[in-house]
Amino acid sequence: MDYSQLDQFLAAGRWQEADEYTWLVMLIVVDREAEGWCGYIYHRR
């Protein structure tokens, strides 16, 4: 997984975009991109 986009968001102080990108990466990692949720994290949002 390439995290360079996340690094760019964080370096630029673009916190909301970094948060949204992190959420997308987490969904991809747990293979829930199509469903839009991933267990415990879903309950916290």
PDB file of N, CA and C in Angstrom:
ATOM      1  N   MET A   1       0.851  -1.182   0.000  1.00  0.00           N
ATOM      2  CA  MET A   1       0.000   0.000   0.000  1.00  0.00           C
ATOM      3  C   MET A   1       0.888   1.234   0.000  1.00  0.00           C
ATOM      4  N   ASP A   2       0.564   2.177  -0.840  1.00  0.00           N
ATOM      5  CA  ASP A   2       1.322   3.420  -0.960  1.00  0.00           C
ATOM      6  C   ASP A   2       0.665   4.496  -0.084  1.00  0.00           C
ATOM      7  N   TYR A   3       1.408   5.003   0.882  1.00  0.00           N
ATOM      8  CA  TYR A   3       0.887   6.013   1.801  1.00  0.00           C
ATOM      9  C   TYR A   3       1.393   7.418   1.480  1.00  0.00           C
ATOM     10  N   SER A   4       1.946   7.624   0.298  1.00  0.00           N
ATOM     11  CA  SER A   4       2.515   8.929  -0.031  1.00  0.00           C
ATOM     12  C   SER A   4       1.452  10.029  -0.054  1.00  0.00           C
ATOM     13  N   GLN A   5       0.244   9.715  -0.486  1.00  0.00           N
ATOM     14  CA  GLN A   5      -0.832  10.719  -0.486  1.00  0.00           C
ATOM     15  C   GLN A   5      -1.149  11.147   0.945  1.00  0.00           C
ATOM     16  N   LEU A   6      -1.189  10.196   1.861  1.00  0.00           N
ATOM     17  CA  LEU A   6      -1.429  10.524   3.269  1.00  0.00           C
ATOM     18  C   LEU A   6      -0.304  11.405   3.804  1.00  0.00           C
ATOM     19  N   ASP A   7       0.921  11.063   3.484  1.00  0.00           N
ATOM     20  CA  ASP A   7       2.067  11.883   3.901  1.00  0.00           C
ATOM     21  C   ASP A   7       1.919  13.319   3.399  1.00  0.00           C
ATOM     22  N   GLN A   8       1.470  13.475   2.171  1.00  0.00           N
ATOM     23  CA  GLN A   8       1.305  14.816   1.595  1.00  0.00           C
ATOM     24  C   GLN A   8       0.211  15.603   2.314  1.00  0.00           C
ATOM     25  N   PHE A   9      -0.904  14.946   2.585  1.00  0.00           N
ATOM     26  CA  PHE A   9      -1.979  15.612   3.319  1.00  0.00           C
ATOM     27  C   PHE A   9      -1.498  16.072   4.692  1.00  0.00           C
ATOM     28  N   LEU A  10      -0.806  15.203   5.396  1.00  0.00           N
ATOM     29  CA  LEU A  10      -0.326  15.537   6.735  1.00  0.00           C
ATOM     30  C   LEU A  10       0.719  16.650   6.697  1.00  0.00           C
ATOM     31  N   ALA A  11       1.637  16.581   5.764  1.00  0.00           N
ATOM     32  CA  ALA A  11       2.679  17.601   5.651  1.00  0.00           C
ATOM     33  C   ALA A  11       2.090  18.978   5.347  1.00  0.00           C
ATOM     34  N   ALA A  12       0.977  18.996   4.622  1.00  0.00           N
ATOM     35  CA  ALA A  12       0.334  20.257   4.253  1.00  0.00           C
ATOM     36  C   ALA A  12      -0.670  20.734   5.303  1.00  0.00           C
ATOM     37  N   GLY A  13      -0.852  19.942   6.362  1.00  0.00           N
ATOM     38  CA  GLY A  13      -1.812  20.322   7.393  1.00  0.00           C
ATOM     39  C   GLY A  13      -3.255  20.168   6.955  1.00  0.00           C
ATOM     40  N   ARG A  14      -3.476  19.332   5.970  1.00  0.00           N
ATOM     41  CA  ARG A  14      -4.829  19.088   5.446  1.00  0.00           C
ATOM     42  C   ARG A  14      -5.436  17.912   6.214  1.00  0.00           C
ATOM     43  N   TRP A  15      -5.829  18.213   7.464  1.00  0.00           N
ATOM     44  CA  TRP A  15      -6.221  17.173   8.419  1.00  0.00           C
ATOM     45  C   TRP A  15      -7.488  16.432   8.005  1.00  0.00           C
ATOM     46  N   GLN A  16      -8.495  17.137   7.512  1.00  0.00           N
ATOM     47  CA  GLN A  16      -9.746  16.480   7.119  1.00  0.00           C
ATOM     48  C   GLN A  16      -9.502  15.496   5.972  1.00  0.00           C
ATOM     49  N   GLU A  17      -8.735  15.911   4.992  1.00  0.00           N
ATOM     50  CA  GLU A  17      -8.433  15.021   3.873  1.00  0.00           C
ATOM     51  C   GLU A  17      -7.588  13.840   4.330  1.00  0.00           C
ATOM     52  N   ALA A  18      -6.669  14.079   5.259  1.00  0.00           N
ATOM     53  CA  ALA A  18      -5.860  12.990   5.803  1.00  0.00           C
ATOM     54  C   ALA A  18      -6.742  11.990   6.536  1.00  0.00           C
ATOM     55  N   ASP A  19      -7.712  12.501   7.282  1.00  0.00           N
ATOM     56  CA  ASP A  19      -8.642  11.632   8.011  1.00  0.00           C
ATOM     57  C   ASP A  19      -9.467  10.787   7.049  1.00  0.00           C
ATOM     58  N   GLU A  20      -9.996  11.415   6.009  1.00  0.00           N
ATOM     59  CA  GLU A  20     -10.799  10.684   5.026  1.00  0.00           C
ATOM     60  C   GLU A  20      -9.965   9.652   4.274  1.00  0.00           C
ATOM     61  N   TYR A  21      -8.739  10.007   3.943  1.00  0.00           N
ATOM     62  CA  TYR A  21      -7.854   9.073   3.249  1.00  0.00           C
ATOM     63  C   TYR A  21      -7.495   7.890   4.157  1.00  0.00           C
ATOM     64  N   THR A  22      -7.251   8.181   5.425  1.00  0.00           N
ATOM     65  CA  THR A  22      -6.952   7.109   6.385  1.00  0.00           C
ATOM     66  C   THR A  22      -8.119   6.143   6.478  1.00  0.00           C
ATOM     67  N   TRP A  23      -9.328   6.675   6.530  1.00  0.00           N
ATOM     68  CA  TRP A  23     -10.531   5.836   6.592  1.00  0.00           C
ATOM     69  C   TRP A  23     -10.607   4.931   5.355  1.00  0.00           C
ATOM     70  N   LEU A  24     -10.354   5.489   4.191  1.00  0.00           N
ATOM     71  CA  LEU A  24     -10.382   4.705   2.955  1.00  0.00           C
ATOM     72  C   LEU A  24      -9.320   3.612   2.976  1.00  0.00           C
ATOM     73  N   VAL A  25      -8.117   3.949   3.415  1.00  0.00           N
ATOM     74  CA  VAL A  25      -7.036   2.960   3.489  1.00  0.00           C
ATOM     75  C   VAL A  25      -7.423   1.830   4.434  1.00  0.00           C
ATOM     76  N   MET A  26      -8.024   2.180   5.571  1.00  0.00           N
ATOM     77  CA  MET A  26      -8.426   1.143   6.530  1.00  0.00           C
ATOM     78  C   MET A  26      -9.474   0.225   5.919  1.00  0.00           C
ATOM     79  N   LEU A  27     -10.416   0.783   5.175  1.00  0.00           N
ATOM     80  CA  LEU A  27     -11.435  -0.047   4.519  1.00  0.00           C
ATOM     81  C   LEU A  27     -10.797  -0.984   3.496  1.00  0.00           C
ATOM     82  N   ILE A  28      -9.837  -0.482   2.752  1.00  0.00           N
ATOM     83  CA  ILE A  28      -9.151  -1.310   1.747  1.00  0.00           C
ATOM     84  C   ILE A  28      -8.379  -2.429   2.439  1.00  0.00           C
ATOM     85  N   VAL A  29      -7.685  -2.094   3.510  1.00  0.00           N
ATOM     86  CA  VAL A  29      -6.859  -3.079   4.212  1.00  0.00           C
ATOM     87  C   VAL A  29      -7.709  -4.211   4.769  1.00  0.00           C
ATOM     88  N   VAL A  30      -8.885  -3.904   5.306  1.00  0.00           N
ATOM     89  CA  VAL A  30      -9.739  -4.955   5.862  1.00  0.00           C
ATOM     90  C   VAL A  30     -10.733  -5.486   4.841  1.00  0.00           C
ATOM     91  N   ASP A  31     -10.554  -5.081   3.570  1.00  0.00           N
ATOM     92  CA  ASP A  31     -11.361  -5.564   2.451  1.00  0.00           C
ATOM     93  C   ASP A  31     -12.848  -5.272   2.646  1.00  0.00           C
ATOM     94  N   ARG A  32     -13.160  -4.060   3.110  1.00  0.00           N
ATOM     95  CA  ARG A  32     -14.551  -3.643   3.301  1.00  0.00           C
ATOM     96  C   ARG A  32     -14.873  -2.378   2.509  1.00  0.00           C
ATOM     97  N   GLU A  33     -14.093  -2.095   1.498  1.00  0.00           N
ATOM     98  CA  GLU A  33     -14.280  -0.868   0.731  1.00  0.00           C
ATOM     99  C   GLU A  33     -15.702  -0.774   0.167  1.00  0.00           C
ATOM    100  N   ALA A  34     -16.221  -1.853  -0.392  1.00  0.00           N
ATOM    101  CA  ALA A  34     -17.549  -1.826  -1.003  1.00  0.00           C
ATOM    102  C   ALA A  34     -18.651  -1.620   0.035  1.00  0.00           C
ATOM    103  N   GLU A  35     -18.468  -2.208   1.229  1.00  0.00           N
ATOM    104  CA  GLU A  35     -19.483  -2.099   2.267  1.00  0.00           C
ATOM    105  C   GLU A  35     -19.418  -0.755   2.994  1.00  0.00           C
ATOM    106  N   GLY A  36     -18.227  -0.146   3.080  1.00  0.00           N
ATOM    107  CA  GLY A  36     -18.076   1.130   3.742  1.00  0.00           C
ATOM    108  C   GLY A  36     -17.998   1.069   5.251  1.00  0.00           C
ATOM    109  N   TRP A  37     -17.714  -0.101   5.798  1.00  0.00           N
ATOM    110  CA  TRP A  37     -17.583  -0.225   7.247  1.00  0.00           C
ATOM    111  C   TRP A  37     -16.543  -1.275   7.579  1.00  0.00           C
ATOM    112  N   CYS A  38     -16.068  -1.251   8.823  1.00  0.00           N
ATOM    113  CA  CYS A  38     -15.124  -2.290   9.244  1.00  0.00           C
ATOM    114  C   CYS A  38     -15.180  -2.479  10.764  1.00  0.00           C
ATOM    115  N   GLY A  39     -16.070  -3.305  11.199  1.00  0.00           N
ATOM    116  CA  GLY A  39     -16.166  -3.734  12.591  1.00  0.00           C
ATOM    117  C   GLY A  39     -16.205  -2.624  13.624  1.00  0.00           C
ATOM    118  N   TYR A  40     -15.311  -2.693  14.576  1.00  0.00           N
ATOM    119  CA  TYR A  40     -15.261  -1.775  15.703  1.00  0.00           C
ATOM    120  C   TYR A  40     -15.197  -0.322  15.254  1.00  0.00           C
ATOM    121  N   ILE A  41     -14.465  -0.038  14.227  1.00  0.00           N
ATOM    122  CA  ILE A  41     -14.309   1.330  13.760  1.00  0.00           C
ATOM    123  C   ILE A  41     -15.649   1.891  13.316  1.00  0.00           C
ATOM    124  N   TYR A  42     -16.471   1.059  12.721  1.00  0.00           N
ATOM    125  CA  TYR A  42     -17.801   1.481  12.276  1.00  0.00           C
ATOM    126  C   TYR A  42     -18.615   1.988  13.456  1.00  0.00           C
ATOM    127  N   HIS A  43     -18.541   1.335  14.576  1.00  0.00           N
ATOM    128  CA  HIS A  43     -19.330   1.711  15.741  1.00  0.00           C
ATOM    129  C   HIS A  43     -18.855   3.009  16.375  1.00  0.00           C
ATOM    130  N   ARG A  44     -17.601   3.360  16.174  1.00  0.00           N
ATOM    131  CA  ARG A  44     -17.047   4.560  16.766  1.00  0.00           C
ATOM    132  C   ARG A  44     -17.339   5.815  15.959  1.00  0.00           C
ATOM    133  N   ARG A  45     -17.669   5.696  14.687  1.00  0.00           N
ATOM    134  CA  ARG A  45     -17.867   6.884  13.843  1.00  0.00           C
ATOM    135  C   ARG A  45     -19.216   7.486  14.056  1.00  0.00           C
TER     136      ARG A  45
END
